[in-house]
C-alpha cells in the first residue's frame, strides 16, 4: 500500500465569455418575441430576467461558453455545437486534452508517464466509445481509461477511484479530466435557470509519491441518497418514448428551494464527520474548495462547519467568473487557490449535486 498525492492540476477555459447583462438582453428579446404567441394560445406571459436578480439568486456575474452566438440568439437560445466527423477529435476530448496538457506540464510529466485516464463529468456527449479512451489515444497514453458520472460530484468520486487504482497497484499515475459542456443541457428559455451554468475543463494528476507542489490525500468520503430534485431525463430511450426532442424533461431541471434545504446540512454534516474521522480539528482547516453551485449554499455550508462565516480566503469563490461548472467547480477553486498555503496546511475539497451525491477529500500539503 502507498499513499496518493495530487501533484498538479490543469485548466482549460473556453474562449468566449457572457456577462449577466448580455445574457439578460438575449433572454428578454426572446421573451418579447415569445409572449405574443403565448397570448394567442391563452398561455401565461413569460417574465423578463435581470442581472441584479441573477447575482442575488446565485452570486454569478459571468460564465465561459464554447459557443456564444447561439446562446445569445433569441431565435435559438442554445449553443451551436455541430456534430464532428467520426475521425475528428470530439469536443469533450478536445477540451480534456487541453486541460490535461496543462496539468502534465505543471507536473513535469509526459503522457507516457500516465497509465490510467478517467473522464469524470456530469454529461458525456456519447455513451461509447468512452471519451476517456479517445483522450488516451490522442495523448499517446498506455494503460486503461474509462468514463464515469456522478453528476456534480464526479470529480471527488473520480479522486476516490484514482486513489484506489494507485493504492491497489492497478496504476502508478492517474490523469482525471472533467470536461463540462454544461450549456448543452441548459434551457436558456427558462428564467429560473438560464444563468446557472458555464463550460470549462479541469484536470488532476494523481501519483503514489509527492512531486513539486504536492498534496497528500489524507482521506476520502463519499455519500449518496436518491432524490429527483435535480434531474435530467435525456437518454438513449428518448426516441422510444414519444416525447419531442425539445421536451423540458430532457434538459437540466431542479426544485431549487428543496435542493438548498436538503443538501446544505447533508454536506456540512459529512465534512464534519470526515474531519473527525481523519482526526483533523476543524480550526486547523485552512481552506474549503467547495463545489461552485450557488454562493448562498457555500456560505451556509461553511458557516455550519466552522460555526461562523468563512472568510474569502477560507472558502474561495470562482462562481462569480465561471458560473456553475458542475464537477469542475471545486477543482477550479483548488487550481487557483492553493499556492499560498504552506507545507502542513490542510484543506477540504468537496463537491455535491444531483443524486443526491456528496464527495469529500481531505488534503494536506506535503511539499
Protein backbone atom coordinates (compact mmCIF):
# COMPACT_ATOMS: atom_id res chain seq x y z
CA UNK A 1 0.00 0.00 0.00
CA UNK A 2 1.16 3.52 -0.81
CA UNK A 3 -0.22 6.98 -0.31
CA UNK A 4 -1.83 9.06 -3.05
CA UNK A 5 -0.91 12.64 -3.89
CA UNK A 6 -2.38 15.37 -6.05
CA UNK A 7 0.74 16.72 -7.74
CA UNK A 8 -0.74 19.00 -10.38
CA UNK A 9 -3.92 20.44 -11.80
CA UNK A 10 -4.75 21.93 -15.18
CA UNK A 11 -7.44 24.20 -16.56
CA UNK A 12 -8.97 24.84 -19.97
CA UNK A 13 -11.12 27.97 -20.10
CA UNK A 14 -13.29 28.41 -23.23
CA UNK A 15 -12.51 31.42 -25.42
CA UNK A 16 -15.92 33.10 -25.08
CA UNK A 17 -17.48 34.82 -22.06
CA UNK A 18 -21.02 36.05 -21.50
CA UNK A 19 -21.87 38.59 -18.80
CA UNK A 20 -25.16 38.60 -16.91
CA UNK A 21 -26.15 41.76 -18.77
CA UNK A 22 -25.58 40.15 -22.17
CA UNK A 23 -27.46 37.02 -21.16
CA UNK A 24 -30.39 39.04 -19.87
CA UNK A 25 -30.56 41.13 -23.03
CA UNK A 26 -30.83 37.98 -25.16
CA UNK A 27 -33.37 36.38 -22.82
CA UNK A 28 -35.58 39.47 -22.76
CA UNK A 29 -35.50 39.67 -26.57
CA UNK A 30 -36.68 36.05 -26.61
CA UNK A 31 -39.49 36.92 -24.17
CA UNK A 32 -40.58 39.83 -26.37
CA UNK A 33 -40.79 37.50 -29.37
CA UNK A 34 -42.48 34.67 -27.47
CA UNK A 35 -45.16 36.44 -25.46
CA UNK A 36 -47.44 37.48 -28.38
CA UNK A 37 -47.68 33.82 -29.45
CA UNK A 38 -48.38 32.77 -25.85
CA UNK A 39 -51.12 35.37 -25.63
CA UNK A 40 -52.78 33.96 -28.74
CA UNK A 41 -52.70 30.50 -27.17
CA UNK A 42 -54.10 31.83 -23.90
CA UNK A 43 -50.90 30.98 -22.00
CA UNK A 44 -49.32 32.97 -19.19
CA UNK A 45 -46.77 35.55 -20.33
CA UNK A 46 -43.11 34.97 -19.58
CA UNK A 47 -41.43 37.36 -17.15
CA UNK A 48 -38.25 39.16 -18.08
CA UNK A 49 -34.96 38.49 -16.33
CA UNK A 50 -32.45 40.99 -14.98
CA UNK A 51 -28.79 40.95 -14.00
CA UNK A 52 -29.47 42.02 -10.41
CA UNK A 53 -31.85 39.08 -9.93
CA UNK A 54 -29.22 36.67 -11.26
CA UNK A 55 -26.44 37.86 -8.97
CA UNK A 56 -28.72 37.97 -5.94
CA UNK A 57 -30.03 34.47 -6.62
CA UNK A 58 -26.69 32.85 -7.36
CA UNK A 59 -23.60 35.01 -6.93
CA UNK A 60 -22.86 34.58 -10.65
CA UNK A 61 -21.67 37.54 -12.73
CA UNK A 62 -20.50 35.80 -15.92
CA UNK A 63 -19.71 32.44 -17.50
CA UNK A 64 -17.43 30.98 -20.17
CA UNK A 65 -19.01 29.12 -23.07
CA UNK A 66 -17.91 27.01 -26.03
CA UNK A 67 -20.36 28.89 -28.28
CA UNK A 68 -21.51 32.43 -27.62
CA UNK A 69 -23.56 33.31 -30.69
CA UNK A 70 -26.11 30.52 -30.35
CA UNK A 71 -26.70 31.21 -26.66
CA UNK A 72 -27.32 34.91 -27.35
CA UNK A 73 -29.50 34.32 -30.41
CA UNK A 74 -33.16 34.81 -29.28
CA UNK A 75 -34.29 32.54 -32.11
CA UNK A 76 -32.03 29.70 -30.95
CA UNK A 77 -31.29 30.17 -27.22
CA UNK A 78 -28.68 27.45 -27.07
CA UNK A 79 -25.10 26.76 -28.15
CA UNK A 80 -24.41 25.76 -31.73
CA UNK A 81 -22.08 22.75 -31.44
CA UNK A 82 -22.17 20.90 -34.77
CA UNK A 83 -21.52 17.17 -34.88
CA UNK A 84 -17.97 16.38 -35.90
CA UNK A 85 -16.84 13.64 -38.29
CA UNK A 86 -16.11 10.37 -36.51
CA UNK A 87 -12.46 10.58 -37.49
CA UNK A 88 -12.14 14.00 -35.78
CA UNK A 89 -11.46 14.67 -32.11
CA UNK A 90 -14.70 15.13 -30.21
CA UNK A 91 -15.48 18.39 -28.45
CA UNK A 92 -15.13 17.00 -24.94
CA UNK A 93 -11.92 15.16 -25.83
CA UNK A 94 -10.51 18.37 -27.27
CA UNK A 95 -11.29 20.25 -24.05
CA UNK A 96 -9.94 17.38 -21.95
CA UNK A 97 -6.67 17.20 -23.87
CA UNK A 98 -6.11 20.94 -23.42
CA UNK A 99 -6.62 20.75 -19.65
CA UNK A 100 -4.57 17.52 -19.47
CA UNK A 101 -1.59 19.06 -21.26
CA UNK A 102 -1.69 21.96 -18.80
CA UNK A 103 -1.74 19.58 -15.83
CA UNK A 104 1.05 17.38 -17.22
CA UNK A 105 3.23 20.41 -17.87
CA UNK A 106 2.60 21.61 -14.30
CA UNK A 107 3.58 18.15 -13.02
CA UNK A 108 6.70 17.93 -15.21
CA UNK A 109 5.38 14.72 -16.76
CA UNK A 110 4.91 13.33 -20.25
CA UNK A 111 1.81 11.45 -21.42
CA UNK A 112 3.89 8.27 -21.40
CA UNK A 113 4.19 8.63 -17.62
CA UNK A 114 0.40 8.16 -17.18
CA UNK A 115 -1.20 4.72 -17.16
CA UNK A 116 -4.84 5.49 -16.34
CA UNK A 117 -7.23 8.15 -17.64
CA UNK A 118 -10.57 8.91 -16.01
CA UNK A 119 -13.08 11.27 -17.61
CA UNK A 120 -15.39 12.27 -14.76
CA UNK A 121 -18.17 14.70 -15.68
CA UNK A 122 -21.90 15.27 -15.39
CA UNK A 123 -22.76 14.71 -19.06
CA UNK A 124 -20.95 12.80 -21.79
CA UNK A 125 -21.64 13.60 -25.43
CA UNK A 126 -21.91 9.91 -26.28
CA UNK A 127 -22.23 6.59 -24.45
CA UNK A 128 -19.34 4.89 -26.26
CA UNK A 129 -16.56 4.65 -27.20
CA UNK A 130 -15.51 6.30 -23.95
CA UNK A 131 -14.30 9.90 -24.18
CA UNK A 132 -11.51 8.82 -21.81
CA UNK A 133 -10.22 6.26 -24.32
CA UNK A 134 -10.31 8.92 -27.03
CA UNK A 135 -8.26 11.23 -24.78
CA UNK A 136 -5.87 8.37 -24.02
CA UNK A 137 -5.31 7.75 -27.74
CA UNK A 138 -4.93 11.44 -28.62
CA UNK A 139 -2.32 11.99 -25.91
CA UNK A 140 -0.50 8.70 -26.53
CA UNK A 141 -1.09 7.22 -23.10
CA UNK A 142 -0.74 3.49 -22.45
CA UNK A 143 -2.78 1.54 -19.92
CA UNK A 144 -6.54 1.92 -19.49
CA UNK A 145 -9.23 4.59 -19.49
CA UNK A 146 -12.91 4.94 -18.68
CA UNK A 147 -15.74 7.45 -18.26
CA UNK A 148 -17.76 7.93 -15.09
CA UNK A 149 -20.64 10.12 -13.99
CA UNK A 150 -21.82 11.13 -10.54
CA UNK A 151 -23.18 14.50 -11.72
CA UNK A 152 -21.58 17.47 -9.93
CA UNK A 153 -19.73 15.12 -7.57
CA UNK A 154 -17.93 13.34 -10.42
CA UNK A 155 -14.52 14.86 -9.66
CA UNK A 156 -14.41 13.88 -5.98
CA UNK A 157 -15.72 10.41 -6.78
CA UNK A 158 -13.11 10.28 -9.54
CA UNK A 159 -10.45 11.22 -7.00
CA UNK A 160 -11.52 8.22 -4.90
CA UNK A 161 -11.21 5.99 -7.97
CA UNK A 162 -7.75 7.37 -8.71
CA UNK A 163 -6.69 6.74 -5.11
CA UNK A 164 -8.00 3.18 -5.25
CA UNK A 165 -6.20 2.49 -8.55
CA UNK A 166 -2.87 3.75 -7.22
CA UNK A 167 -3.05 2.14 -3.79
CA UNK A 168 -4.16 -1.23 -5.23
CA UNK A 169 -1.29 -1.22 -7.72
CA UNK A 170 -3.59 -1.02 -10.76
CA UNK A 171 -1.96 2.25 -11.85
CA UNK A 172 1.09 4.31 -10.95
CA UNK A 173 -0.16 7.67 -12.17
CA UNK A 174 -3.75 8.67 -12.93
CA UNK A 175 -4.95 11.57 -15.03
CA UNK A 176 -8.51 12.68 -14.26
CA UNK A 177 -10.21 15.20 -16.55
CA UNK A 178 -13.58 16.92 -16.14
CA UNK A 179 -14.81 18.29 -19.49
CA UNK A 180 -18.07 20.05 -18.74
CA UNK A 181 -20.19 21.46 -21.60
CA UNK A 182 -22.95 22.43 -19.20
CA UNK A 183 -24.53 24.89 -21.63
CA UNK A 184 -25.52 21.90 -23.76
CA UNK A 185 -28.04 20.63 -21.19
CA UNK A 186 -29.30 24.03 -20.01
CA UNK A 187 -32.66 25.52 -21.01
CA UNK A 188 -31.82 29.13 -21.84
CA UNK A 189 -35.57 29.84 -22.23
CA UNK A 190 -36.20 29.22 -18.52
CA UNK A 191 -35.85 32.38 -16.40
CA UNK A 192 -35.23 30.34 -13.23
CA UNK A 193 -32.14 28.58 -14.55
CA UNK A 194 -30.92 30.21 -17.80
CA UNK A 195 -27.98 31.81 -15.97
CA UNK A 196 -26.71 28.89 -13.90
CA UNK A 197 -24.09 27.05 -15.96
CA UNK A 198 -20.88 27.64 -17.86
CA UNK A 199 -18.42 25.47 -19.79
CA UNK A 200 -14.88 24.52 -18.72
CA UNK A 201 -12.50 21.59 -18.29
CA UNK A 202 -10.20 20.77 -15.39
CA UNK A 203 -7.54 18.07 -14.98
CA UNK A 204 -5.78 16.49 -12.00
CA UNK A 205 -2.63 14.34 -11.85
CA UNK A 206 -2.53 11.74 -9.07
CA UNK A 207 0.64 9.82 -8.12
CA UNK A 208 1.89 7.45 -5.48
CA UNK A 209 4.64 9.81 -4.36
CA UNK A 210 4.92 13.59 -3.89
CA UNK A 211 6.29 15.79 -6.66
CA UNK A 212 6.73 19.56 -6.54
CA UNK A 213 3.73 21.38 -5.03
CA UNK A 214 2.15 18.21 -3.67
CA UNK A 215 -0.95 17.43 -1.63
CA UNK A 216 -1.43 14.14 0.22
CA UNK A 217 -4.92 12.66 0.07
CA UNK A 218 -5.40 12.13 3.80
CA UNK A 219 -8.80 10.57 3.26
CA UNK A 220 -11.91 10.47 1.10
CA UNK A 221 -15.55 10.10 2.00
CA UNK A 222 -18.49 9.59 -0.37
CA UNK A 223 -22.24 9.61 0.21
CA UNK A 224 -25.32 9.24 -1.98
CA UNK A 225 -29.04 9.30 -1.33
CA UNK A 226 -31.73 9.22 -4.01
CA UNK A 227 -33.59 12.40 -4.90
CA UNK A 228 -35.37 13.66 -8.02
CA UNK A 229 -34.99 17.31 -7.04
CA UNK A 230 -32.16 17.75 -9.57
CA UNK A 231 -32.81 15.83 -12.74
CA UNK A 232 -32.05 15.38 -16.44
CA UNK A 233 -34.01 12.64 -18.21
CA UNK A 234 -32.13 12.64 -21.51
CA UNK A 235 -31.01 9.18 -22.58
CA UNK A 236 -30.87 6.52 -25.25
CA UNK A 237 -34.53 5.59 -24.74
CA UNK A 238 -35.68 9.08 -25.77
CA UNK A 239 -36.57 8.09 -29.32
CA UNK A 240 -38.88 5.36 -28.00
CA UNK A 241 -40.99 7.33 -25.51
CA UNK A 242 -42.90 9.56 -27.91
CA UNK A 243 -41.62 12.84 -26.50
CA UNK A 244 -40.29 15.69 -28.59
CA UNK A 245 -36.53 16.33 -28.68
CA UNK A 246 -37.15 19.72 -27.04
CA UNK A 247 -39.09 18.18 -24.13
CA UNK A 248 -38.13 20.13 -20.98
CA UNK A 249 -37.52 16.88 -19.11
CA UNK A 250 -34.55 16.16 -21.38
CA UNK A 251 -32.67 19.17 -20.02
CA UNK A 252 -31.46 20.19 -16.57
CA UNK A 253 -34.25 20.99 -14.16
CA UNK A 254 -34.39 21.27 -10.40
CA UNK A 255 -36.50 22.26 -7.42
CA UNK A 256 -34.02 24.78 -6.12
CA UNK A 257 -35.50 25.52 -2.70
CA UNK A 258 -35.77 21.82 -1.86
CA UNK A 259 -32.20 21.25 -3.03
CA UNK A 260 -30.93 24.08 -0.84
CA UNK A 261 -32.82 22.77 2.20
CA UNK A 262 -31.72 19.15 1.68
CA UNK A 263 -28.15 19.50 0.51
CA UNK A 264 -26.60 22.16 2.76
CA UNK A 265 -26.95 20.26 6.07
CA UNK A 266 -26.05 16.99 4.35
CA UNK A 267 -22.78 18.41 3.04
CA UNK A 268 -21.85 20.20 6.25
CA UNK A 269 -22.51 17.10 8.35
CA UNK A 270 -20.44 14.93 6.01
CA UNK A 271 -17.49 17.34 6.09
CA UNK A 272 -17.56 17.49 9.89
CA UNK A 273 -17.80 13.71 10.19
CA UNK A 274 -14.98 13.25 7.69
CA UNK A 275 -12.68 15.66 9.53
CA UNK A 276 -13.43 13.84 12.78
CA UNK A 277 -12.70 10.52 11.07
CA UNK A 278 -9.33 11.78 9.80
CA UNK A 279 -8.58 13.41 13.18
CA UNK A 280 -8.27 16.88 11.73
CA UNK A 281 -9.69 19.54 14.07
CA UNK A 282 -11.96 21.95 12.21
CA UNK A 283 -9.93 25.04 13.27
CA UNK A 284 -6.88 23.54 11.53
CA UNK A 285 -8.54 23.55 8.10
CA UNK A 286 -7.09 26.46 6.16
CA UNK A 287 -9.23 26.16 3.04
CA UNK A 288 -12.50 24.75 1.76
CA UNK A 289 -12.56 24.21 -2.01
CA UNK A 290 -16.30 23.79 -2.36
CA UNK A 291 -18.48 22.97 -5.35
CA UNK A 292 -19.32 26.25 -7.06
CA UNK A 293 -23.08 25.94 -7.47
CA UNK A 294 -24.54 28.82 -5.51
CA UNK A 295 -22.91 31.44 -3.31
CA UNK A 296 -25.55 31.23 -0.58
CA UNK A 297 -25.21 27.44 -0.41
CA UNK A 298 -21.45 27.64 0.03
CA UNK A 299 -21.75 30.35 2.67
CA UNK A 300 -24.26 28.30 4.67
CA UNK A 301 -22.22 25.08 4.40
CA UNK A 302 -19.05 26.83 5.57
CA UNK A 303 -20.96 28.51 8.42
CA UNK A 304 -22.38 25.19 9.61
CA UNK A 305 -18.91 23.61 9.57
CA UNK A 306 -16.96 26.50 11.12
CA UNK A 307 -19.65 27.86 13.44
CA UNK A 308 -19.10 31.29 11.88
CA UNK A 309 -18.93 32.95 8.50
CA UNK A 310 -15.96 31.86 6.39
CA UNK A 311 -13.54 34.45 5.06
CA UNK A 312 -12.91 34.80 1.33
CA UNK A 313 -9.55 33.11 1.87
CA UNK A 314 -11.06 30.14 3.72
CA UNK A 315 -13.78 29.44 1.12
CA UNK A 316 -12.64 30.97 -2.18
CA UNK A 317 -15.20 31.69 -4.88
CA UNK A 318 -14.77 31.22 -8.63
CA UNK A 319 -18.51 31.03 -9.23
CA UNK A 320 -18.77 34.74 -10.00
CA UNK A 321 -16.50 34.39 -13.04
CA UNK A 322 -17.15 30.80 -14.18
CA UNK A 323 -20.75 30.19 -13.00
CA UNK A 324 -21.67 26.62 -12.07
CA UNK A 325 -19.38 24.27 -13.99
CA UNK A 326 -20.69 21.09 -12.37
CA UNK A 327 -17.91 18.64 -11.43
CA UNK A 328 -15.15 21.09 -12.41
CA UNK A 329 -16.08 23.88 -9.99
CA UNK A 330 -14.28 22.67 -6.87
CA UNK A 331 -11.23 21.74 -8.99
CA UNK A 332 -11.09 25.28 -10.43
CA UNK A 333 -11.10 26.59 -6.86
CA UNK A 334 -8.28 24.18 -5.96
CA UNK A 335 -6.33 25.08 -9.10
CA UNK A 336 -6.50 28.83 -8.47
CA UNK A 337 -6.40 28.97 -4.67
CA UNK A 338 -3.80 26.66 -3.17
CA UNK A 339 -0.35 28.08 -3.96
CA UNK A 340 -0.39 30.41 -0.94
CA UNK A 341 -0.81 27.58 1.58
CA UNK A 342 2.22 26.26 3.47
CA UNK A 343 3.59 22.76 3.93
CA UNK A 344 1.49 21.09 6.62
CA UNK A 345 -1.65 23.09 5.87
CA UNK A 346 -4.91 21.17 5.44
CA UNK A 347 -7.79 21.81 3.06
CA UNK A 348 -11.04 20.10 2.13
CA UNK A 349 -12.10 19.52 -1.47
CA UNK A 350 -15.85 18.95 -1.56
CA UNK A 351 -18.46 18.60 -4.28
CA UNK A 352 -22.17 17.86 -4.17
CA UNK A 353 -25.09 17.64 -6.52
CA UNK A 354 -27.70 15.50 -8.22
CA UNK A 355 -28.29 12.08 -6.84
CA UNK A 356 -28.02 13.44 -4.20
CA UNK A 357 -24.26 12.88 -4.10
CA UNK A 358 -21.53 14.31 -1.88
CA UNK A 359 -17.79 13.72 -2.06
CA UNK A 360 -15.15 14.99 0.38
CA UNK A 361 -11.35 14.77 0.05
CA UNK A 362 -9.11 15.92 2.90
CA UNK A 363 -5.77 17.19 1.56
CA UNK A 364 -2.54 18.10 3.37
CA UNK A 365 0.29 19.94 1.65
CA UNK A 366 3.49 17.92 1.97
CA UNK A 367 5.92 19.75 -0.34
